[in-house]
């Protein structure tokens, strides 16, 4: 945890997913810290 840390945008997350697919990944595991305003809709997006 870092109070002034990073938050990846969806395009940034997709960039990491593409890199995983290139090495034949069958799974991406996604977790993060608890953001004060993060709701179900933002996870669904």
ModelCIF file with pLDDT and N, C-alpha, C, O atoms, coordinates in Angstrom:
data_MODEL
#
_entry.id   MODEL 
#
_entity.id                         1 
_entity.type                       polymer 
_entity.pdbx_number_of_molecules   1 
#
_entity_poly.entity_id                      1 
_entity_poly.type                           'polypeptide(L)' 
_entity_poly.nstd_linkage                   no 
_entity_poly.nstd_monomer                   no 
_entity_poly.pdbx_seq_one_letter_code       
;(UNK)(UNK)(UNK)(UNK)(UNK)(UNK)(UNK)(UNK)(UNK)(UNK)(UNK)(UNK)(UNK)(UNK)(UNK)(UNK)
(UNK)(UNK)(UNK)(UNK)(UNK)(UNK)(UNK)(UNK)(UNK)(UNK)(UNK)(UNK)(UNK)(UNK)(UNK)(UNK)
(UNK)(UNK)(UNK)(UNK)(UNK)(UNK)(UNK)(UNK)(UNK)(UNK)(UNK)(UNK)(UNK)
;
_entity_poly.pdbx_seq_one_letter_code_can   XXXXXXXXXXXXXXXXXXXXXXXXXXXXXXXXXXXXXXXXXXXXX 
_entity_poly.pdbx_strand_id                 A 
#
loop_
_entity_poly_seq.entity_id 
_entity_poly_seq.num 
_entity_poly_seq.mon_id 
_entity_poly_seq.hetero 
1 1  UNK n 
1 2  UNK n 
1 3  UNK n 
1 4  UNK n 
1 5  UNK n 
1 6  UNK n 
1 7  UNK n 
1 8  UNK n 
1 9  UNK n 
1 10 UNK n 
1 11 UNK n 
1 12 UNK n 
1 13 UNK n 
1 14 UNK n 
1 15 UNK n 
1 16 UNK n 
1 17 UNK n 
1 18 UNK n 
1 19 UNK n 
1 20 UNK n 
1 21 UNK n 
1 22 UNK n 
1 23 UNK n 
1 24 UNK n 
1 25 UNK n 
1 26 UNK n 
1 27 UNK n 
1 28 UNK n 
1 29 UNK n 
1 30 UNK n 
1 31 UNK n 
1 32 UNK n 
1 33 UNK n 
1 34 UNK n 
1 35 UNK n 
1 36 UNK n 
1 37 UNK n 
1 38 UNK n 
1 39 UNK n 
1 40 UNK n 
1 41 UNK n 
1 42 UNK n 
1 43 UNK n 
1 44 UNK n 
1 45 UNK n 
#
_struct_asym.id          A 
_struct_asym.entity_id   1 
#
loop_
_ma_qa_metric.id 
_ma_qa_metric.mode 
_ma_qa_metric.name 
_ma_qa_metric.software_group_id 
_ma_qa_metric.type 
1 global pLDDT . pLDDT 
2 local  pLDDT . pLDDT 
#
_ma_qa_metric_global.metric_id      1 
_ma_qa_metric_global.metric_value   96.16 
_ma_qa_metric_global.model_id       1 
_ma_qa_metric_global.ordinal_id     1 
#
loop_
_ma_qa_metric_local.label_asym_id 
_ma_qa_metric_local.label_comp_id 
_ma_qa_metric_local.label_seq_id 
_ma_qa_metric_local.metric_id 
_ma_qa_metric_local.metric_value 
_ma_qa_metric_local.model_id 
_ma_qa_metric_local.ordinal_id 
A UNK 1  2 91.00 1 1  
A UNK 2  2 91.00 1 2  
A UNK 3  2 88.00 1 3  
A UNK 4  2 92.00 1 4  
A UNK 5  2 95.00 1 5  
A UNK 6  2 96.00 1 6  
A UNK 7  2 97.00 1 7  
A UNK 8  2 97.00 1 8  
A UNK 9  2 98.00 1 9  
A UNK 10 2 98.00 1 10 
A UNK 11 2 98.00 1 11 
A UNK 12 2 98.00 1 12 
A UNK 13 2 98.00 1 13 
A UNK 14 2 98.00 1 14 
A UNK 15 2 97.00 1 15 
A UNK 16 2 96.00 1 16 
A UNK 17 2 97.00 1 17 
A UNK 18 2 97.00 1 18 
A UNK 19 2 94.00 1 19 
A UNK 20 2 95.00 1 20 
A UNK 21 2 96.00 1 21 
A UNK 22 2 95.00 1 22 
A UNK 23 2 93.00 1 23 
A UNK 24 2 95.00 1 24 
A UNK 25 2 96.00 1 25 
A UNK 26 2 97.00 1 26 
A UNK 27 2 98.00 1 27 
A UNK 28 2 98.00 1 28 
A UNK 29 2 97.00 1 29 
A UNK 30 2 97.00 1 30 
A UNK 31 2 96.00 1 31 
A UNK 32 2 96.00 1 32 
A UNK 33 2 96.00 1 33 
A UNK 34 2 97.00 1 34 
A UNK 35 2 97.00 1 35 
A UNK 36 2 96.00 1 36 
A UNK 37 2 94.00 1 37 
A UNK 38 2 96.00 1 38 
A UNK 39 2 98.00 1 39 
A UNK 40 2 98.00 1 40 
A UNK 41 2 98.00 1 41 
A UNK 42 2 98.00 1 42 
A UNK 43 2 98.00 1 43 
A UNK 44 2 98.00 1 44 
A UNK 45 2 98.00 1 45 
#
loop_
_atom_site.group_PDB 
_atom_site.id 
_atom_site.type_symbol 
_atom_site.label_atom_id 
_atom_site.label_alt_id 
_atom_site.label_comp_id 
_atom_site.label_asym_id 
_atom_site.label_entity_id 
_atom_site.label_seq_id 
_atom_site.pdbx_PDB_ins_code 
_atom_site.Cartn_x 
_atom_site.Cartn_y 
_atom_site.Cartn_z 
_atom_site.occupancy 
_atom_site.B_iso_or_equiv 
_atom_site.pdbx_formal_charge 
_atom_site.auth_seq_id 
_atom_site.auth_comp_id 
_atom_site.auth_asym_id 
_atom_site.auth_atom_id 
_atom_site.pdbx_PDB_model_num 
ATOM 1   N N  . UNK A 1 1  ? 0.823   -1.209  0.000   1.00 91.00 ? 1  UNK A N  1 
ATOM 2   C CA . UNK A 1 1  ? 0.000   0.000   0.000   1.00 91.00 ? 1  UNK A CA 1 
ATOM 3   C C  . UNK A 1 1  ? 0.860   1.263   0.000   1.00 91.00 ? 1  UNK A C  1 
ATOM 4   O O  . UNK A 1 1  ? 1.800   1.394   0.783   1.00 91.00 ? 1  UNK A O  1 
ATOM 5   N N  . UNK A 1 2  ? 0.510   2.197   -0.907  1.00 91.00 ? 2  UNK A N  1 
ATOM 6   C CA . UNK A 1 2  ? 1.186   3.494   -0.982  1.00 91.00 ? 2  UNK A CA 1 
ATOM 7   C C  . UNK A 1 2  ? 0.127   4.588   -1.085  1.00 91.00 ? 2  UNK A C  1 
ATOM 8   O O  . UNK A 1 2  ? -0.700  4.547   -1.996  1.00 91.00 ? 2  UNK A O  1 
ATOM 9   N N  . UNK A 1 3  ? 0.127   5.558   -0.184  1.00 88.00 ? 3  UNK A N  1 
ATOM 10  C CA . UNK A 1 3  ? -0.918  6.590   -0.218  1.00 88.00 ? 3  UNK A CA 1 
ATOM 11  C C  . UNK A 1 3  ? -0.888  7.441   -1.477  1.00 88.00 ? 3  UNK A C  1 
ATOM 12  O O  . UNK A 1 3  ? -1.911  7.984   -1.894  1.00 88.00 ? 3  UNK A O  1 
ATOM 13  N N  . UNK A 1 4  ? 0.286   7.554   -2.080  1.00 92.00 ? 4  UNK A N  1 
ATOM 14  C CA . UNK A 1 4  ? 0.404   8.343   -3.313  1.00 92.00 ? 4  UNK A CA 1 
ATOM 15  C C  . UNK A 1 4  ? 0.738   7.437   -4.497  1.00 92.00 ? 4  UNK A C  1 
ATOM 16  O O  . UNK A 1 4  ? 1.434   7.840   -5.429  1.00 92.00 ? 4  UNK A O  1 
ATOM 17  N N  . UNK A 1 5  ? 0.234   6.221   -4.442  1.00 95.00 ? 5  UNK A N  1 
ATOM 18  C CA . UNK A 1 5  ? 0.576   5.229   -5.455  1.00 95.00 ? 5  UNK A CA 1 
ATOM 19  C C  . UNK A 1 5  ? -0.154  5.412   -6.773  1.00 95.00 ? 5  UNK A C  1 
ATOM 20  O O  . UNK A 1 5  ? -0.722  6.471   -7.043  1.00 95.00 ? 5  UNK A O  1 
ATOM 21  N N  . UNK A 1 6  ? -0.132  4.370   -7.589  1.00 96.00 ? 6  UNK A N  1 
ATOM 22  C CA . UNK A 1 6  ? -0.659  4.428   -8.954  1.00 96.00 ? 6  UNK A CA 1 
ATOM 23  C C  . UNK A 1 6  ? -2.079  3.852   -9.010  1.00 96.00 ? 6  UNK A C  1 
ATOM 24  O O  . UNK A 1 6  ? -2.497  3.097   -8.132  1.00 96.00 ? 6  UNK A O  1 
ATOM 25  N N  . UNK A 1 7  ? -2.797  4.225   -10.052 1.00 97.00 ? 7  UNK A N  1 
ATOM 26  C CA . UNK A 1 7  ? -4.062  3.585   -10.413 1.00 97.00 ? 7  UNK A CA 1 
ATOM 27  C C  . UNK A 1 7  ? -4.008  3.358   -11.918 1.00 97.00 ? 7  UNK A C  1 
ATOM 28  O O  . UNK A 1 7  ? -3.909  4.313   -12.689 1.00 97.00 ? 7  UNK A O  1 
ATOM 29  N N  . UNK A 1 8  ? -4.073  2.105   -12.336 1.00 97.00 ? 8  UNK A N  1 
ATOM 30  C CA . UNK A 1 8  ? -4.032  1.804   -13.763 1.00 97.00 ? 8  UNK A CA 1 
ATOM 31  C C  . UNK A 1 8  ? -5.372  2.136   -14.420 1.00 97.00 ? 8  UNK A C  1 
ATOM 32  O O  . UNK A 1 8  ? -6.437  1.843   -13.877 1.00 97.00 ? 8  UNK A O  1 
ATOM 33  N N  . UNK A 1 9  ? -5.293  2.751   -15.594 1.00 98.00 ? 9  UNK A N  1 
ATOM 34  C CA . UNK A 1 9  ? -6.494  2.974   -16.396 1.00 98.00 ? 9  UNK A CA 1 
ATOM 35  C C  . UNK A 1 9  ? -6.860  1.665   -17.097 1.00 98.00 ? 9  UNK A C  1 
ATOM 36  O O  . UNK A 1 9  ? -6.062  0.729   -17.141 1.00 98.00 ? 9  UNK A O  1 
ATOM 37  N N  . UNK A 1 10 ? -8.057  1.611   -17.635 1.00 98.00 ? 10 UNK A N  1 
ATOM 38  C CA . UNK A 1 10 ? -8.455  0.415   -18.376 1.00 98.00 ? 10 UNK A CA 1 
ATOM 39  C C  . UNK A 1 10 ? -7.546  0.189   -19.585 1.00 98.00 ? 10 UNK A C  1 
ATOM 40  O O  . UNK A 1 10 ? -7.169  -0.959  -19.823 1.00 98.00 ? 10 UNK A O  1 
ATOM 41  N N  . UNK A 1 11 ? -7.165  1.218   -20.372 1.00 98.00 ? 11 UNK A N  1 
ATOM 42  C CA . UNK A 1 11 ? -6.198  0.972   -21.463 1.00 98.00 ? 11 UNK A CA 1 
ATOM 43  C C  . UNK A 1 11 ? -4.866  0.417   -20.952 1.00 98.00 ? 11 UNK A C  1 
ATOM 44  O O  . UNK A 1 11 ? -4.250  -0.407  -21.627 1.00 98.00 ? 11 UNK A O  1 
ATOM 45  N N  . UNK A 1 12 ? -4.421  0.844   -19.799 1.00 98.00 ? 12 UNK A N  1 
ATOM 46  C CA . UNK A 1 12 ? -3.173  0.312   -19.243 1.00 98.00 ? 12 UNK A CA 1 
ATOM 47  C C  . UNK A 1 12 ? -3.335  -1.151  -18.822 1.00 98.00 ? 12 UNK A C  1 
ATOM 48  O O  . UNK A 1 12 ? -2.435  -1.967  -19.021 1.00 98.00 ? 12 UNK A O  1 
ATOM 49  N N  . UNK A 1 13 ? -4.483  -1.468  -18.244 1.00 98.00 ? 13 UNK A N  1 
ATOM 50  C CA . UNK A 1 13 ? -4.754  -2.861  -17.887 1.00 98.00 ? 13 UNK A CA 1 
ATOM 51  C C  . UNK A 1 13 ? -4.791  -3.725  -19.142 1.00 98.00 ? 13 UNK A C  1 
ATOM 52  O O  . UNK A 1 13 ? -4.228  -4.819  -19.165 1.00 98.00 ? 13 UNK A O  1 
ATOM 53  N N  . UNK A 1 14 ? -5.452  -3.233  -20.181 1.00 98.00 ? 14 UNK A N  1 
ATOM 54  C CA . UNK A 1 14 ? -5.535  -3.998  -21.434 1.00 98.00 ? 14 UNK A CA 1 
ATOM 55  C C  . UNK A 1 14 ? -4.155  -4.220  -22.049 1.00 98.00 ? 14 UNK A C  1 
ATOM 56  O O  . UNK A 1 14 ? -3.899  -5.268  -22.642 1.00 98.00 ? 14 UNK A O  1 
ATOM 57  N N  . UNK A 1 15 ? -3.275  -3.245  -21.909 1.00 97.00 ? 15 UNK A N  1 
ATOM 58  C CA . UNK A 1 15 ? -1.912  -3.423  -22.411 1.00 97.00 ? 15 UNK A CA 1 
ATOM 59  C C  . UNK A 1 15 ? -1.221  -4.594  -21.727 1.00 97.00 ? 15 UNK A C  1 
ATOM 60  O O  . UNK A 1 15 ? -0.523  -5.369  -22.380 1.00 97.00 ? 15 UNK A O  1 
ATOM 61  N N  . UNK A 1 16 ? -1.408  -4.729  -20.428 1.00 96.00 ? 16 UNK A N  1 
ATOM 62  C CA . UNK A 1 16 ? -0.824  -5.847  -19.689 1.00 96.00 ? 16 UNK A CA 1 
ATOM 63  C C  . UNK A 1 16 ? -1.476  -7.166  -20.078 1.00 96.00 ? 16 UNK A C  1 
ATOM 64  O O  . UNK A 1 16 ? -0.802  -8.194  -20.148 1.00 96.00 ? 16 UNK A O  1 
ATOM 65  N N  . UNK A 1 17 ? -2.776  -7.144  -20.331 1.00 97.00 ? 17 UNK A N  1 
ATOM 66  C CA . UNK A 1 17 ? -3.473  -8.350  -20.758 1.00 97.00 ? 17 UNK A CA 1 
ATOM 67  C C  . UNK A 1 17 ? -2.944  -8.804  -22.117 1.00 97.00 ? 17 UNK A C  1 
ATOM 68  O O  . UNK A 1 17 ? -2.721  -9.996  -22.331 1.00 97.00 ? 17 UNK A O  1 
ATOM 69  N N  . UNK A 1 18 ? -2.745  -7.862  -23.033 1.00 97.00 ? 18 UNK A N  1 
ATOM 70  C CA . UNK A 1 18 ? -2.220  -8.231  -24.360 1.00 97.00 ? 18 UNK A CA 1 
ATOM 71  C C  . UNK A 1 18 ? -0.855  -8.897  -24.242 1.00 97.00 ? 18 UNK A C  1 
ATOM 72  O O  . UNK A 1 18 ? -0.573  -9.874  -24.935 1.00 97.00 ? 18 UNK A O  1 
ATOM 73  N N  . UNK A 1 19 ? -0.013  -8.368  -23.366 1.00 94.00 ? 19 UNK A N  1 
ATOM 74  C CA . UNK A 1 19 ? 1.313   -8.959  -23.167 1.00 94.00 ? 19 UNK A CA 1 
ATOM 75  C C  . UNK A 1 19 ? 1.197   -10.377 -22.623 1.00 94.00 ? 19 UNK A C  1 
ATOM 76  O O  . UNK A 1 19 ? 1.993   -11.248 -22.975 1.00 94.00 ? 19 UNK A O  1 
ATOM 77  N N  . UNK A 1 20 ? 0.203   -10.610 -21.765 1.00 95.00 ? 20 UNK A N  1 
ATOM 78  C CA . UNK A 1 20 ? -0.013  -11.955 -21.220 1.00 95.00 ? 20 UNK A CA 1 
ATOM 79  C C  . UNK A 1 20 ? -0.467  -12.920 -22.313 1.00 95.00 ? 20 UNK A C  1 
ATOM 80  O O  . UNK A 1 20 ? 0.007   -14.054 -22.387 1.00 95.00 ? 20 UNK A O  1 
ATOM 81  N N  . UNK A 1 21 ? -1.381  -12.463 -23.152 1.00 96.00 ? 21 UNK A N  1 
ATOM 82  C CA . UNK A 1 21 ? -1.885  -13.314 -24.224 1.00 96.00 ? 21 UNK A CA 1 
ATOM 83  C C  . UNK A 1 21 ? -0.752  -13.707 -25.179 1.00 96.00 ? 21 UNK A C  1 
ATOM 84  O O  . UNK A 1 21 ? -0.751  -14.807 -25.731 1.00 96.00 ? 21 UNK A O  1 
ATOM 85  N N  . UNK A 1 22 ? 0.196   -12.813 -25.363 1.00 95.00 ? 22 UNK A N  1 
ATOM 86  C CA . UNK A 1 22 ? 1.333   -13.100 -26.256 1.00 95.00 ? 22 UNK A CA 1 
ATOM 87  C C  . UNK A 1 22 ? 2.188   -14.258 -25.756 1.00 95.00 ? 22 UNK A C  1 
ATOM 88  O O  . UNK A 1 22 ? 2.844   -14.927 -26.554 1.00 95.00 ? 22 UNK A O  1 
ATOM 89  N N  . UNK A 1 23 ? 2.191   -14.508 -24.440 1.00 93.00 ? 23 UNK A N  1 
ATOM 90  C CA . UNK A 1 23 ? 2.951   -15.651 -23.922 1.00 93.00 ? 23 UNK A CA 1 
ATOM 91  C C  . UNK A 1 23 ? 2.021   -16.840 -23.648 1.00 93.00 ? 23 UNK A C  1 
ATOM 92  O O  . UNK A 1 23 ? 2.359   -17.733 -22.871 1.00 93.00 ? 23 UNK A O  1 
ATOM 93  N N  . UNK A 1 24 ? 0.860   -16.842 -24.289 1.00 95.00 ? 24 UNK A N  1 
ATOM 94  C CA . UNK A 1 24 ? -0.093  -17.952 -24.216 1.00 95.00 ? 24 UNK A CA 1 
ATOM 95  C C  . UNK A 1 24 ? -0.760  -18.099 -22.850 1.00 95.00 ? 24 UNK A C  1 
ATOM 96  O O  . UNK A 1 24 ? -1.135  -19.207 -22.468 1.00 95.00 ? 24 UNK A O  1 
ATOM 97  N N  . UNK A 1 25 ? -0.913  -17.007 -22.114 1.00 96.00 ? 25 UNK A N  1 
ATOM 98  C CA . UNK A 1 25 ? -1.616  -17.067 -20.841 1.00 96.00 ? 25 UNK A CA 1 
ATOM 99  C C  . UNK A 1 25 ? -3.075  -17.445 -21.074 1.00 96.00 ? 25 UNK A C  1 
ATOM 100 O O  . UNK A 1 25 ? -3.712  -16.977 -22.017 1.00 96.00 ? 25 UNK A O  1 
ATOM 101 N N  . UNK A 1 26 ? -3.583  -18.293 -20.204 1.00 97.00 ? 26 UNK A N  1 
ATOM 102 C CA . UNK A 1 26 ? -5.002  -18.648 -20.236 1.00 97.00 ? 26 UNK A CA 1 
ATOM 103 C C  . UNK A 1 26 ? -5.779  -17.902 -19.156 1.00 97.00 ? 26 UNK A C  1 
ATOM 104 O O  . UNK A 1 26 ? -7.008  -17.963 -19.119 1.00 97.00 ? 26 UNK A O  1 
ATOM 105 N N  . UNK A 1 27 ? -5.062  -17.194 -18.273 1.00 98.00 ? 27 UNK A N  1 
ATOM 106 C CA . UNK A 1 27 ? -5.699  -16.511 -17.147 1.00 98.00 ? 27 UNK A CA 1 
ATOM 107 C C  . UNK A 1 27 ? -5.009  -15.188 -16.860 1.00 98.00 ? 27 UNK A C  1 
ATOM 108 O O  . UNK A 1 27 ? -3.788  -15.080 -16.977 1.00 98.00 ? 27 UNK A O  1 
ATOM 109 N N  . UNK A 1 28 ? -5.788  -14.187 -16.485 1.00 98.00 ? 28 UNK A N  1 
ATOM 110 C CA . UNK A 1 28 ? -5.232  -13.005 -15.829 1.00 98.00 ? 28 UNK A CA 1 
ATOM 111 C C  . UNK A 1 28 ? -5.845  -12.928 -14.435 1.00 98.00 ? 28 UNK A C  1 
ATOM 112 O O  . UNK A 1 28 ? -7.049  -13.113 -14.254 1.00 98.00 ? 28 UNK A O  1 
ATOM 113 N N  . UNK A 1 29 ? -4.991  -12.653 -13.461 1.00 97.00 ? 29 UNK A N  1 
ATOM 114 C CA . UNK A 1 29 ? -5.418  -12.517 -12.073 1.00 97.00 ? 29 UNK A CA 1 
ATOM 115 C C  . UNK A 1 29 ? -5.375  -11.039 -11.717 1.00 97.00 ? 29 UNK A C  1 
ATOM 116 O O  . UNK A 1 29 ? -4.312  -10.421 -11.762 1.00 97.00 ? 29 UNK A O  1 
ATOM 117 N N  . UNK A 1 30 ? -6.509  -10.475 -11.368 1.00 97.00 ? 30 UNK A N  1 
ATOM 118 C CA . UNK A 1 30 ? -6.617  -9.032  -11.156 1.00 97.00 ? 30 UNK A CA 1 
ATOM 119 C C  . UNK A 1 30 ? -7.071  -8.750  -9.726  1.00 97.00 ? 30 UNK A C  1 
ATOM 120 O O  . UNK A 1 30 ? -8.132  -9.197  -9.292  1.00 97.00 ? 30 UNK A O  1 
ATOM 121 N N  . UNK A 1 31 ? -6.241  -7.999  -9.010  1.00 96.00 ? 31 UNK A N  1 
ATOM 122 C CA . UNK A 1 31 ? -6.578  -7.538  -7.670  1.00 96.00 ? 31 UNK A CA 1 
ATOM 123 C C  . UNK A 1 31 ? -5.951  -6.164  -7.460  1.00 96.00 ? 31 UNK A C  1 
ATOM 124 O O  . UNK A 1 31 ? -5.041  -5.765  -8.188  1.00 96.00 ? 31 UNK A O  1 
ATOM 125 N N  . UNK A 1 32 ? -6.446  -5.452  -6.461  1.00 96.00 ? 32 UNK A N  1 
ATOM 126 C CA . UNK A 1 32 ? -5.860  -4.153  -6.157  1.00 96.00 ? 32 UNK A CA 1 
ATOM 127 C C  . UNK A 1 32 ? -6.254  -3.704  -4.767  1.00 96.00 ? 32 UNK A C  1 
ATOM 128 O O  . UNK A 1 32 ? -7.025  -4.364  -4.071  1.00 96.00 ? 32 UNK A O  1 
ATOM 129 N N  . UNK A 1 33 ? -5.710  -2.576  -4.384  1.00 96.00 ? 33 UNK A N  1 
ATOM 130 C CA . UNK A 1 33 ? -6.080  -1.994  -3.105  1.00 96.00 ? 33 UNK A CA 1 
ATOM 131 C C  . UNK A 1 33 ? -7.516  -1.508  -3.114  1.00 96.00 ? 33 UNK A C  1 
ATOM 132 O O  . UNK A 1 33 ? -8.174  -1.485  -4.154  1.00 96.00 ? 33 UNK A O  1 
ATOM 133 N N  . UNK A 1 34 ? -7.992  -1.120  -1.943  1.00 97.00 ? 34 UNK A N  1 
ATOM 134 C CA . UNK A 1 34 ? -9.370  -0.643  -1.806  1.00 97.00 ? 34 UNK A CA 1 
ATOM 135 C C  . UNK A 1 34 ? -9.403  0.870   -1.999  1.00 97.00 ? 34 UNK A C  1 
ATOM 136 O O  . UNK A 1 34 ? -8.954  1.631   -1.141  1.00 97.00 ? 34 UNK A O  1 
ATOM 137 N N  . UNK A 1 35 ? -9.938  1.286   -3.128  1.00 97.00 ? 35 UNK A N  1 
ATOM 138 C CA . UNK A 1 35 ? -10.109 2.714   -3.395  1.00 97.00 ? 35 UNK A CA 1 
ATOM 139 C C  . UNK A 1 35 ? -11.424 3.186   -2.768  1.00 97.00 ? 35 UNK A C  1 
ATOM 140 O O  . UNK A 1 35 ? -12.414 2.456   -2.809  1.00 97.00 ? 35 UNK A O  1 
ATOM 141 N N  . UNK A 1 36 ? -11.454 4.371   -2.199  1.00 96.00 ? 36 UNK A N  1 
ATOM 142 C CA . UNK A 1 36 ? -12.635 4.790   -1.431  1.00 96.00 ? 36 UNK A CA 1 
ATOM 143 C C  . UNK A 1 36 ? -13.920 4.826   -2.237  1.00 96.00 ? 36 UNK A C  1 
ATOM 144 O O  . UNK A 1 36 ? -15.001 4.615   -1.687  1.00 96.00 ? 36 UNK A O  1 
ATOM 145 N N  . UNK A 1 37 ? -13.819 5.094   -3.543  1.00 94.00 ? 37 UNK A N  1 
ATOM 146 C CA . UNK A 1 37 ? -15.028 5.231   -4.350  1.00 94.00 ? 37 UNK A CA 1 
ATOM 147 C C  . UNK A 1 37 ? -15.241 4.068   -5.311  1.00 94.00 ? 37 UNK A C  1 
ATOM 148 O O  . UNK A 1 37 ? -16.130 4.133   -6.160  1.00 94.00 ? 37 UNK A O  1 
ATOM 149 N N  . UNK A 1 38 ? -14.455 3.019   -5.199  1.00 96.00 ? 38 UNK A N  1 
ATOM 150 C CA . UNK A 1 38 ? -14.554 1.909   -6.152  1.00 96.00 ? 38 UNK A CA 1 
ATOM 151 C C  . UNK A 1 38 ? -15.824 1.103   -5.872  1.00 96.00 ? 38 UNK A C  1 
ATOM 152 O O  . UNK A 1 38 ? -16.040 0.632   -4.756  1.00 96.00 ? 38 UNK A O  1 
ATOM 153 N N  . UNK A 1 39 ? -16.666 0.952   -6.912  1.00 98.00 ? 39 UNK A N  1 
ATOM 154 C CA . UNK A 1 39 ? -17.932 0.246   -6.750  1.00 98.00 ? 39 UNK A CA 1 
ATOM 155 C C  . UNK A 1 39 ? -18.027 -0.918  -7.721  1.00 98.00 ? 39 UNK A C  1 
ATOM 156 O O  . UNK A 1 39 ? -17.092 -1.192  -8.475  1.00 98.00 ? 39 UNK A O  1 
ATOM 157 N N  . UNK A 1 40 ? -19.161 -1.598  -7.695  1.00 98.00 ? 40 UNK A N  1 
ATOM 158 C CA . UNK A 1 40 ? -19.336 -2.774  -8.539  1.00 98.00 ? 40 UNK A CA 1 
ATOM 159 C C  . UNK A 1 40 ? -19.230 -2.407  -10.018 1.00 98.00 ? 40 UNK A C  1 
ATOM 160 O O  . UNK A 1 40 ? -18.631 -3.146  -10.799 1.00 98.00 ? 40 UNK A O  1 
ATOM 161 N N  . UNK A 1 41 ? -19.805 -1.275  -10.404 1.00 98.00 ? 41 UNK A N  1 
ATOM 162 C CA . UNK A 1 41 ? -19.773 -0.864  -11.805 1.00 98.00 ? 41 UNK A CA 1 
ATOM 163 C C  . UNK A 1 41 ? -18.349 -0.703  -12.303 1.00 98.00 ? 41 UNK A C  1 
ATOM 164 O O  . UNK A 1 41 ? -18.034 -1.115  -13.419 1.00 98.00 ? 41 UNK A O  1 
ATOM 165 N N  . UNK A 1 42 ? -17.487 -0.112  -11.494 1.00 98.00 ? 42 UNK A N  1 
ATOM 166 C CA . UNK A 1 42 ? -16.104 0.106   -11.945 1.00 98.00 ? 42 UNK A CA 1 
ATOM 167 C C  . UNK A 1 42 ? -15.364 -1.222  -12.116 1.00 98.00 ? 42 UNK A C  1 
ATOM 168 O O  . UNK A 1 42 ? -14.535 -1.352  -13.016 1.00 98.00 ? 42 UNK A O  1 
ATOM 169 N N  . UNK A 1 43 ? -15.654 -2.203  -11.268 1.00 98.00 ? 43 UNK A N  1 
ATOM 170 C CA . UNK A 1 43 ? -15.055 -3.531  -11.448 1.00 98.00 ? 43 UNK A CA 1 
ATOM 171 C C  . UNK A 1 43 ? -15.620 -4.199  -12.710 1.00 98.00 ? 43 UNK A C  1 
ATOM 172 O O  . UNK A 1 43 ? -14.888 -4.847  -13.459 1.00 98.00 ? 43 UNK A O  1 
ATOM 173 N N  . UNK A 1 44 ? -16.921 -4.034  -12.933 1.00 98.00 ? 44 UNK A N  1 
ATOM 174 C CA . UNK A 1 44 ? -17.548 -4.616  -14.124 1.00 98.00 ? 44 UNK A CA 1 
ATOM 175 C C  . UNK A 1 44 ? -16.963 -4.014  -15.403 1.00 98.00 ? 44 UNK A C  1 
ATOM 176 O O  . UNK A 1 44 ? -16.814 -4.714  -16.405 1.00 98.00 ? 44 UNK A O  1 
ATOM 177 N N  . UNK A 1 45 ? -16.637 -2.738  -15.375 1.00 98.00 ? 45 UNK A N  1 
ATOM 178 C CA . UNK A 1 45 ? -16.058 -2.098  -16.561 1.00 98.00 ? 45 UNK A CA 1 
ATOM 179 C C  . UNK A 1 45 ? -14.707 -2.723  -16.924 1.00 98.00 ? 45 UNK A C  1 
ATOM 180 O O  . UNK A 1 45 ? -14.076 -2.308  -17.896 1.00 98.00 ? 45 UNK A O  1 
#
